Amino acid sequence: MDTLARLQEMQEVTEKLAATNDLDEAKVHMSRLVVLMSEEFVRTNGIADVMNKQLYEIQNLRSFIEKEGLALKYELHKKREVR
């Protein structure tokens, strides 16, 4: 289930929860909300982990480029090609 579908289901369950007067039915709706929120949290957390790893790798590459002076070499190479 994708995020949009999960959020739509959360809204529907919340509306059902607000409309119910029965305690047992309310517990069922609350349990479903907790499950949906947990699923979305796990998915979002997984995406954040992947993004953090990518940012870490980019920072390592940036540090390597700066340390080796590759940016300056590249700029000099581009200037030579233009001439």
PDB file of N, CA and C in Angstrom:
ATOM      1  N   MET A   1       0.856  -1.173   0.000  1.00  0.00           N
ATOM      2  CA  MET A   1       0.000   0.000   0.000  1.00  0.00           C
ATOM      3  C   MET A   1       0.902   1.236   0.000  1.00  0.00           C
ATOM      4  N   ASP A   2       0.603   2.194  -0.851  1.00  0.00           N
ATOM      5  CA  ASP A   2       1.427   3.391  -0.904  1.00  0.00           C
ATOM      6  C   ASP A   2       0.967   4.419   0.131  1.00  0.00           C
ATOM      7  N   THR A   3       1.740   5.466   0.266  1.00  0.00           N
ATOM      8  CA  THR A   3       1.482   6.467   1.305  1.00  0.00           C
ATOM      9  C   THR A   3       0.111   7.108   1.155  1.00  0.00           C
ATOM     10  N   LEU A   4      -0.231   7.503  -0.056  1.00  0.00           N
ATOM     11  CA  LEU A   4      -1.513   8.170  -0.268  1.00  0.00           C
ATOM     12  C   LEU A   4      -2.676   7.263   0.119  1.00  0.00           C
ATOM     13  N   ALA A   5      -2.624   6.015  -0.294  1.00  0.00           N
ATOM     14  CA  ALA A   5      -3.687   5.067   0.052  1.00  0.00           C
ATOM     15  C   ALA A   5      -3.754   4.858   1.559  1.00  0.00           C
ATOM     16  N   ARG A   6      -2.586   4.779   2.188  1.00  0.00           N
ATOM     17  CA  ARG A   6      -2.545   4.582   3.637  1.00  0.00           C
ATOM     18  C   ARG A   6      -3.141   5.800   4.356  1.00  0.00           C
ATOM     19  N   LEU A   7      -2.806   6.998   3.896  1.00  0.00           N
ATOM     20  CA  LEU A   7      -3.347   8.212   4.514  1.00  0.00           C
ATOM     21  C   LEU A   7      -4.854   8.311   4.312  1.00  0.00           C
ATOM     22  N   GLN A   8      -5.329   7.917   3.139  1.00  0.00           N
ATOM     23  CA  GLN A   8      -6.769   7.921   2.897  1.00  0.00           C
ATOM     24  C   GLN A   8      -7.475   6.934   3.822  1.00  0.00           C
ATOM     25  N   GLU A   9      -6.876   5.766   3.994  1.00  0.00           N
ATOM     26  CA  GLU A   9      -7.481   4.793   4.899  1.00  0.00           C
ATOM     27  C   GLU A   9      -7.460   5.304   6.337  1.00  0.00           C
ATOM     28  N   MET A  10      -6.374   5.974   6.729  1.00  0.00           N
ATOM     29  CA  MET A  10      -6.312   6.555   8.077  1.00  0.00           C
ATOM     30  C   MET A  10      -7.442   7.554   8.280  1.00  0.00           C
ATOM     31  N   GLN A  11      -7.701   8.369   7.260  1.00  0.00           N
ATOM     32  CA  GLN A  11      -8.776   9.351   7.365  1.00  0.00           C
ATOM     33  C   GLN A  11     -10.126   8.658   7.514  1.00  0.00           C
ATOM     34  N   GLU A  12     -10.351   7.621   6.710  1.00  0.00           N
ATOM     35  CA  GLU A  12     -11.614   6.881   6.795  1.00  0.00           C
ATOM     36  C   GLU A  12     -11.790   6.237   8.168  1.00  0.00           C
ATOM     37  N   VAL A  13     -10.738   5.624   8.669  1.00  0.00           N
ATOM     38  CA  VAL A  13     -10.804   4.971   9.981  1.00  0.00           C
ATOM     39  C   VAL A  13     -11.040   6.012  11.070  1.00  0.00           C
ATOM     40  N   THR A  14     -10.397   7.164  10.945  1.00  0.00           N
ATOM     41  CA  THR A  14     -10.580   8.237  11.930  1.00  0.00           C
ATOM     42  C   THR A  14     -12.022   8.726  11.932  1.00  0.00           C
ATOM     43  N   GLU A  15     -12.603   8.862  10.744  1.00  0.00           N
ATOM     44  CA  GLU A  15     -14.008   9.283  10.659  1.00  0.00           C
ATOM     45  C   GLU A  15     -14.928   8.242  11.297  1.00  0.00           C
ATOM     46  N   LYS A  16     -14.644   6.962  11.058  1.00  0.00           N
ATOM     47  CA  LYS A  16     -15.434   5.895  11.686  1.00  0.00           C
ATOM     48  C   LYS A  16     -15.272   5.933  13.203  1.00  0.00           C
ATOM     49  N   LEU A  17     -14.047   6.176  13.652  1.00  0.00           N
ATOM     50  CA  LEU A  17     -13.774   6.248  15.088  1.00  0.00           C
ATOM     51  C   LEU A  17     -14.554   7.393  15.726  1.00  0.00           C
ATOM     52  N   ALA A  18     -14.566   8.536  15.061  1.00  0.00           N
ATOM     53  CA  ALA A  18     -15.285   9.694  15.599  1.00  0.00           C
ATOM     54  C   ALA A  18     -16.789   9.452  15.644  1.00  0.00           C
ATOM     55  N   ALA A  19     -17.290   8.632  14.731  1.00  0.00           N
ATOM     56  CA  ALA A  19     -18.728   8.399  14.655  1.00  0.00           C
ATOM     57  C   ALA A  19     -19.218   7.271  15.559  1.00  0.00           C
ATOM     58  N   THR A  20     -18.330   6.483  16.116  1.00  0.00           N
ATOM     59  CA  THR A  20     -18.759   5.319  16.899  1.00  0.00           C
ATOM     60  C   THR A  20     -19.008   5.684  18.361  1.00  0.00           C
ATOM     61  N   ASN A  21     -19.964   4.966  18.933  1.00  0.00           N
ATOM     62  CA  ASN A  21     -20.268   5.113  20.361  1.00  0.00           C
ATOM     63  C   ASN A  21     -19.930   3.843  21.132  1.00  0.00           C
ATOM     64  N   ASP A  22     -19.628   2.785  20.410  1.00  0.00           N
ATOM     65  CA  ASP A  22     -19.348   1.488  21.003  1.00  0.00           C
ATOM     66  C   ASP A  22     -17.855   1.384  21.333  1.00  0.00           C
ATOM     67  N   LEU A  23     -17.541   1.044  22.574  1.00  0.00           N
ATOM     68  CA  LEU A  23     -16.151   0.972  23.020  1.00  0.00           C
ATOM     69  C   LEU A  23     -15.359  -0.096  22.262  1.00  0.00           C
ATOM     70  N   ASP A  24     -15.955  -1.257  22.059  1.00  0.00           N
ATOM     71  CA  ASP A  24     -15.245  -2.326  21.343  1.00  0.00           C
ATOM     72  C   ASP A  24     -14.950  -1.924  19.896  1.00  0.00           C
ATOM     73  N   GLU A  25     -15.912  -1.297  19.263  1.00  0.00           N
ATOM     74  CA  GLU A  25     -15.705  -0.831  17.888  1.00  0.00           C
ATOM     75  C   GLU A  25     -14.634   0.262  17.850  1.00  0.00           C
ATOM     76  N   ALA A  26     -14.628   1.130  18.839  1.00  0.00           N
ATOM     77  CA  ALA A  26     -13.612   2.186  18.916  1.00  0.00           C
ATOM     78  C   ALA A  26     -12.218   1.574  19.058  1.00  0.00           C
ATOM     79  N   LYS A  27     -12.110   0.520  19.853  1.00  0.00           N
ATOM     80  CA  LYS A  27     -10.816  -0.156  20.025  1.00  0.00           C
ATOM     81  C   LYS A  27     -10.325  -0.741  18.702  1.00  0.00           C
ATOM     82  N   VAL A  28     -11.237  -1.313  17.929  1.00  0.00           N
ATOM     83  CA  VAL A  28     -10.880  -1.881  16.622  1.00  0.00           C
ATOM     84  C   VAL A  28     -10.345  -0.781  15.709  1.00  0.00           C
ATOM     85  N   HIS A  29     -11.038   0.352  15.678  1.00  0.00           N
ATOM     86  CA  HIS A  29     -10.607   1.467  14.826  1.00  0.00           C
ATOM     87  C   HIS A  29      -9.264   2.032  15.292  1.00  0.00           C
ATOM     88  N   MET A  30      -9.091   2.162  16.597  1.00  0.00           N
ATOM     89  CA  MET A  30      -7.816   2.674  17.116  1.00  0.00           C
ATOM     90  C   MET A  30      -6.676   1.716  16.792  1.00  0.00           C
ATOM     91  N   SER A  31      -6.928   0.430  16.903  1.00  0.00           N
ATOM     92  CA  SER A  31      -5.898  -0.562  16.572  1.00  0.00           C
ATOM     93  C   SER A  31      -5.506  -0.462  15.104  1.00  0.00           C
ATOM     94  N   ARG A  32      -6.493  -0.297  14.242  1.00  0.00           N
ATOM     95  CA  ARG A  32      -6.202  -0.173  12.807  1.00  0.00           C
ATOM     96  C   ARG A  32      -5.382   1.086  12.540  1.00  0.00           C
ATOM     97  N   LEU A  33      -5.713   2.180  13.213  1.00  0.00           N
ATOM     98  CA  LEU A  33      -4.940   3.417  13.049  1.00  0.00           C
ATOM     99  C   LEU A  33      -3.489   3.228  13.480  1.00  0.00           C
ATOM    100  N   VAL A  34      -3.297   2.552  14.592  1.00  0.00           N
ATOM    101  CA  VAL A  34      -1.931   2.305  15.078  1.00  0.00           C
ATOM    102  C   VAL A  34      -1.148   1.478  14.064  1.00  0.00           C
ATOM    103  N   VAL A  35      -1.779   0.465  13.492  1.00  0.00           N
ATOM    104  CA  VAL A  35      -1.111  -0.374  12.489  1.00  0.00           C
ATOM    105  C   VAL A  35      -0.736   0.456  11.264  1.00  0.00           C
ATOM    106  N   LEU A  36      -1.667   1.254  10.776  1.00  0.00           N
ATOM    107  CA  LEU A  36      -1.395   2.075   9.587  1.00  0.00           C
ATOM    108  C   LEU A  36      -0.274   3.081   9.847  1.00  0.00           C
ATOM    109  N   MET A  37      -0.315   3.717  11.016  1.00  0.00           N
ATOM    110  CA  MET A  37       0.737   4.689  11.349  1.00  0.00           C
ATOM    111  C   MET A  37       2.086   4.002  11.490  1.00  0.00           C
ATOM    112  N   SER A  38       2.088   2.834  12.076  1.00  0.00           N
ATOM    113  CA  SER A  38       3.330   2.081  12.237  1.00  0.00           C
ATOM    114  C   SER A  38       3.914   1.700  10.881  1.00  0.00           C
ATOM    115  N   GLU A  39       3.074   1.232   9.978  1.00  0.00           N
ATOM    116  CA  GLU A  39       3.539   0.875   8.634  1.00  0.00           C
ATOM    117  C   GLU A  39       4.144   2.083   7.928  1.00  0.00           C
ATOM    118  N   GLU A  40       3.486   3.217   8.036  1.00  0.00           N
ATOM    119  CA  GLU A  40       3.985   4.430   7.371  1.00  0.00           C
ATOM    120  C   GLU A  40       5.283   4.899   8.013  1.00  0.00           C
ATOM    121  N   PHE A  41       5.374   4.789   9.326  1.00  0.00           N
ATOM    122  CA  PHE A  41       6.609   5.177  10.013  1.00  0.00           C
ATOM    123  C   PHE A  41       7.777   4.309   9.566  1.00  0.00           C
ATOM    124  N   VAL A  42       7.556   3.008   9.487  1.00  0.00           N
ATOM    125  CA  VAL A  42       8.617   2.084   9.069  1.00  0.00           C
ATOM    126  C   VAL A  42       9.061   2.405   7.646  1.00  0.00           C
ATOM    127  N   ARG A  43       8.116   2.641   6.757  1.00  0.00           N
ATOM    128  CA  ARG A  43       8.440   2.957   5.369  1.00  0.00           C
ATOM    129  C   ARG A  43       9.206   4.276   5.280  1.00  0.00           C
ATOM    130  N   THR A  44       8.726   5.290   5.978  1.00  0.00           N
ATOM    131  CA  THR A  44       9.382   6.598   5.964  1.00  0.00           C
ATOM    132  C   THR A  44      10.768   6.516   6.578  1.00  0.00           C
ATOM    133  N   ASN A  45      10.902   5.769   7.648  1.00  0.00           N
ATOM    134  CA  ASN A  45      12.199   5.619   8.301  1.00  0.00           C
ATOM    135  C   ASN A  45      13.189   4.918   7.372  1.00  0.00           C
ATOM    136  N   GLY A  46      12.714   3.942   6.621  1.00  0.00           N
ATOM    137  CA  GLY A  46      13.576   3.250   5.660  1.00  0.00           C
ATOM    138  C   GLY A  46      14.071   4.186   4.576  1.00  0.00           C
ATOM    139  N   ILE A  47      13.190   5.044   4.094  1.00  0.00           N
ATOM    140  CA  ILE A  47      13.578   6.029   3.083  1.00  0.00           C
ATOM    141  C   ILE A  47      14.601   6.990   3.660  1.00  0.00           C
ATOM    142  N   ALA A  48      14.398   7.427   4.887  1.00  0.00           N
ATOM    143  CA  ALA A  48      15.344   8.349   5.526  1.00  0.00           C
ATOM    144  C   ALA A  48      16.717   7.702   5.671  1.00  0.00           C
ATOM    145  N   ASP A  49      16.757   6.426   6.018  1.00  0.00           N
ATOM    146  CA  ASP A  49      18.041   5.720   6.137  1.00  0.00           C
ATOM    147  C   ASP A  49      18.781   5.685   4.804  1.00  0.00           C
ATOM    148  N   VAL A  50      18.057   5.380   3.734  1.00  0.00           N
ATOM    149  CA  VAL A  50      18.675   5.342   2.404  1.00  0.00           C
ATOM    150  C   VAL A  50      19.199   6.723   2.025  1.00  0.00           C
ATOM    151  N   MET A  51      18.405   7.746   2.289  1.00  0.00           N
ATOM    152  CA  MET A  51      18.838   9.108   1.960  1.00  0.00           C
ATOM    153  C   MET A  51      20.064   9.509   2.766  1.00  0.00           C
ATOM    154  N   ASN A  52      20.094   9.151   4.034  1.00  0.00           N
ATOM    155  CA  ASN A  52      21.260   9.471   4.860  1.00  0.00           C
ATOM    156  C   ASN A  52      22.514   8.784   4.344  1.00  0.00           C
ATOM    157  N   LYS A  53      22.386   7.540   3.911  1.00  0.00           N
ATOM    158  CA  LYS A  53      23.537   6.824   3.353  1.00  0.00           C
ATOM    159  C   LYS A  53      24.024   7.495   2.075  1.00  0.00           C
ATOM    160  N   GLN A  54      23.095   7.930   1.241  1.00  0.00           N
ATOM    161  CA  GLN A  54      23.468   8.613   0.005  1.00  0.00           C
ATOM    162  C   GLN A  54      24.153   9.945   0.300  1.00  0.00           C
ATOM    163  N   LEU A  55      23.627  10.691   1.261  1.00  0.00           N
ATOM    164  CA  LEU A  55      24.248  11.964   1.637  1.00  0.00           C
ATOM    165  C   LEU A  55      25.647  11.752   2.203  1.00  0.00           C
ATOM    166  N   TYR A  56      25.826  10.706   2.975  1.00  0.00           N
ATOM    167  CA  TYR A  56      27.137  10.377   3.528  1.00  0.00           C
ATOM    168  C   TYR A  56      28.122  10.077   2.401  1.00  0.00           C
ATOM    169  N   GLU A  57      27.671   9.310   1.417  1.00  0.00           N
ATOM    170  CA  GLU A  57      28.529   8.973   0.279  1.00  0.00           C
ATOM    171  C   GLU A  57      28.885  10.220  -0.529  1.00  0.00           C
ATOM    172  N   ILE A  58      27.921  11.093  -0.736  1.00  0.00           N
ATOM    173  CA  ILE A  58      28.183  12.348  -1.456  1.00  0.00           C
ATOM    174  C   ILE A  58      29.204  13.187  -0.703  1.00  0.00           C
ATOM    175  N   GLN A  59      29.063  13.268   0.608  1.00  0.00           N
ATOM    176  CA  GLN A  59      30.021  14.041   1.403  1.00  0.00           C
ATOM    177  C   GLN A  59      31.419  13.440   1.312  1.00  0.00           C
ATOM    178  N   ASN A  60      31.514  12.117   1.338  1.00  0.00           N
ATOM    179  CA  ASN A  60      32.820  11.463   1.185  1.00  0.00           C
ATOM    180  C   ASN A  60      33.435  11.779  -0.174  1.00  0.00           C
ATOM    181  N   LEU A  61      32.629  11.734  -1.226  1.00  0.00           N
ATOM    182  CA  LEU A  61      33.132  12.065  -2.559  1.00  0.00           C
ATOM    183  C   LEU A  61      33.577  13.522  -2.636  1.00  0.00           C
ATOM    184  N   ARG A  62      32.793  14.403  -2.047  1.00  0.00           N
ATOM    185  CA  ARG A  62      33.142  15.827  -2.038  1.00  0.00           C
ATOM    186  C   ARG A  62      34.471  16.046  -1.312  1.00  0.00           C
ATOM    187  N   SER A  63      34.642  15.396  -0.183  1.00  0.00           N
ATOM    188  CA  SER A  63      35.901  15.523   0.567  1.00  0.00           C
ATOM    189  C   SER A  63      37.077  15.006  -0.251  1.00  0.00           C
ATOM    190  N   PHE A  64      36.889  13.880  -0.936  1.00  0.00           N
ATOM    191  CA  PHE A  64      37.947  13.315  -1.767  1.00  0.00           C
ATOM    192  C   PHE A  64      38.306  14.266  -2.908  1.00  0.00           C
ATOM    193  N   ILE A  65      37.300  14.818  -3.562  1.00  0.00           N
ATOM    194  CA  ILE A  65      37.538  15.751  -4.669  1.00  0.00           C
ATOM    195  C   ILE A  65      38.306  16.970  -4.185  1.00  0.00           C
ATOM    196  N   GLU A  66      37.913  17.514  -3.043  1.00  0.00           N
ATOM    197  CA  GLU A  66      38.614  18.680  -2.495  1.00  0.00           C
ATOM    198  C   GLU A  66      40.040  18.321  -2.094  1.00  0.00           C
ATOM    199  N   LYS A  67      40.208  17.173  -1.442  1.00  0.00           N
ATOM    200  CA  LYS A  67      41.528  16.758  -0.971  1.00  0.00           C
ATOM    201  C   LYS A  67      42.486  16.537  -2.138  1.00  0.00           C
ATOM    202  N   GLU A  68      42.009  15.970  -3.202  1.00  0.00           N
ATOM    203  CA  GLU A  68      42.853  15.658  -4.355  1.00  0.00           C
ATOM    204  C   GLU A  68      42.996  16.833  -5.323  1.00  0.00           C
ATOM    205  N   GLY A  69      42.271  17.912  -5.073  1.00  0.00           N
ATOM    206  CA  GLY A  69      42.340  19.060  -5.971  1.00  0.00           C
ATOM    207  C   GLY A  69      41.723  18.782  -7.332  1.00  0.00           C
ATOM    208  N   LEU A  70      40.810  17.851  -7.395  1.00  0.00           N
ATOM    209  CA  LEU A  70      40.224  17.450  -8.671  1.00  0.00           C
ATOM    210  C   LEU A  70      39.311  18.520  -9.261  1.00  0.00           C
ATOM    211  N   ALA A  71      38.665  19.300  -8.435  1.00  0.00           N
ATOM    212  CA  ALA A  71      37.786  20.351  -8.950  1.00  0.00           C
ATOM    213  C   ALA A  71      38.598  21.372  -9.733  1.00  0.00           C
ATOM    214  N   LEU A  72      39.728  21.778  -9.192  1.00  0.00           N
ATOM    215  CA  LEU A  72      40.592  22.741  -9.875  1.00  0.00           C
ATOM    216  C   LEU A  72      41.124  22.145 -11.174  1.00  0.00           C
ATOM    217  N   LYS A  73      41.550  20.885 -11.140  1.00  0.00           N
ATOM    218  CA  LYS A  73      42.048  20.227 -12.352  1.00  0.00           C
ATOM    219  C   LYS A  73      40.959  20.162 -13.423  1.00  0.00           C
ATOM    220  N   TYR A  74      39.755  19.897 -13.017  1.00  0.00           N
ATOM    221  CA  TYR A  74      38.646  19.823 -13.964  1.00  0.00           C
ATOM    222  C   TYR A  74      38.385  21.183 -14.597  1.00  0.00           C
ATOM    223  N   GLU A  75      38.373  22.226 -13.782  1.00  0.00           N
ATOM    224  CA  GLU A  75      38.155  23.578 -14.309  1.00  0.00           C
ATOM    225  C   GLU A  75      39.254  23.958 -15.296  1.00  0.00           C
ATOM    226  N   LEU A  76      40.502  23.638 -14.978  1.00  0.00           N
ATOM    227  CA  LEU A  76      41.607  23.930 -15.890  1.00  0.00           C
ATOM    228  C   LEU A  76      41.448  23.145 -17.189  1.00  0.00           C
ATOM    229  N   HIS A  77      41.023  21.906 -17.098  1.00  0.00           N
ATOM    230  CA  HIS A  77      40.805  21.073 -18.279  1.00  0.00           C
ATOM    231  C   HIS A  77      39.708  21.676 -19.164  1.00  0.00           C
ATOM    232  N   LYS A  78      38.623  22.135 -18.562  1.00  0.00           N
ATOM    233  CA  LYS A  78      37.534  22.747 -19.325  1.00  0.00           C
ATOM    234  C   LYS A  78      38.018  24.002 -20.045  1.00  0.00           C
ATOM    235  N   LYS A  79      38.825  24.817 -19.364  1.00  0.00           N
ATOM    236  CA  LYS A  79      39.329  26.049 -19.981  1.00  0.00           C
ATOM    237  C   LYS A  79      40.214  25.727 -21.177  1.00  0.00           C
ATOM    238  N   ARG A  80      41.015  24.685 -21.072  1.00  0.00           N
ATOM    239  CA  ARG A  80      41.884  24.289 -22.187  1.00  0.00           C
ATOM    240  C   ARG A  80      41.064  23.810 -23.381  1.00  0.00           C
ATOM    241  N   GLU A  81      39.965  23.120 -23.133  1.00  0.00           N
ATOM    242  CA  GLU A  81      39.121  22.623 -24.221  1.00  0.00           C
ATOM    243  C   GLU A  81      38.448  23.761 -24.970  1.00  0.00           C
ATOM    244  N   VAL A  82      38.100  24.829 -24.258  1.00  0.00           N
ATOM    245  CA  VAL A  82      37.411  25.963 -24.868  1.00  0.00           C
ATOM    246  C   VAL A  82      38.328  26.677 -25.846  1.00  0.00           C
ATOM    247  N   ARG A  83      39.597  26.739 -25.538  1.00  0.00           N
ATOM    248  CA  ARG A  83      40.548  27.475 -26.382  1.00  0.00           C
ATOM    249  C   ARG A  83      40.791  26.791 -27.634  1.00  0.00           C
TER     250      ARG A  83
END
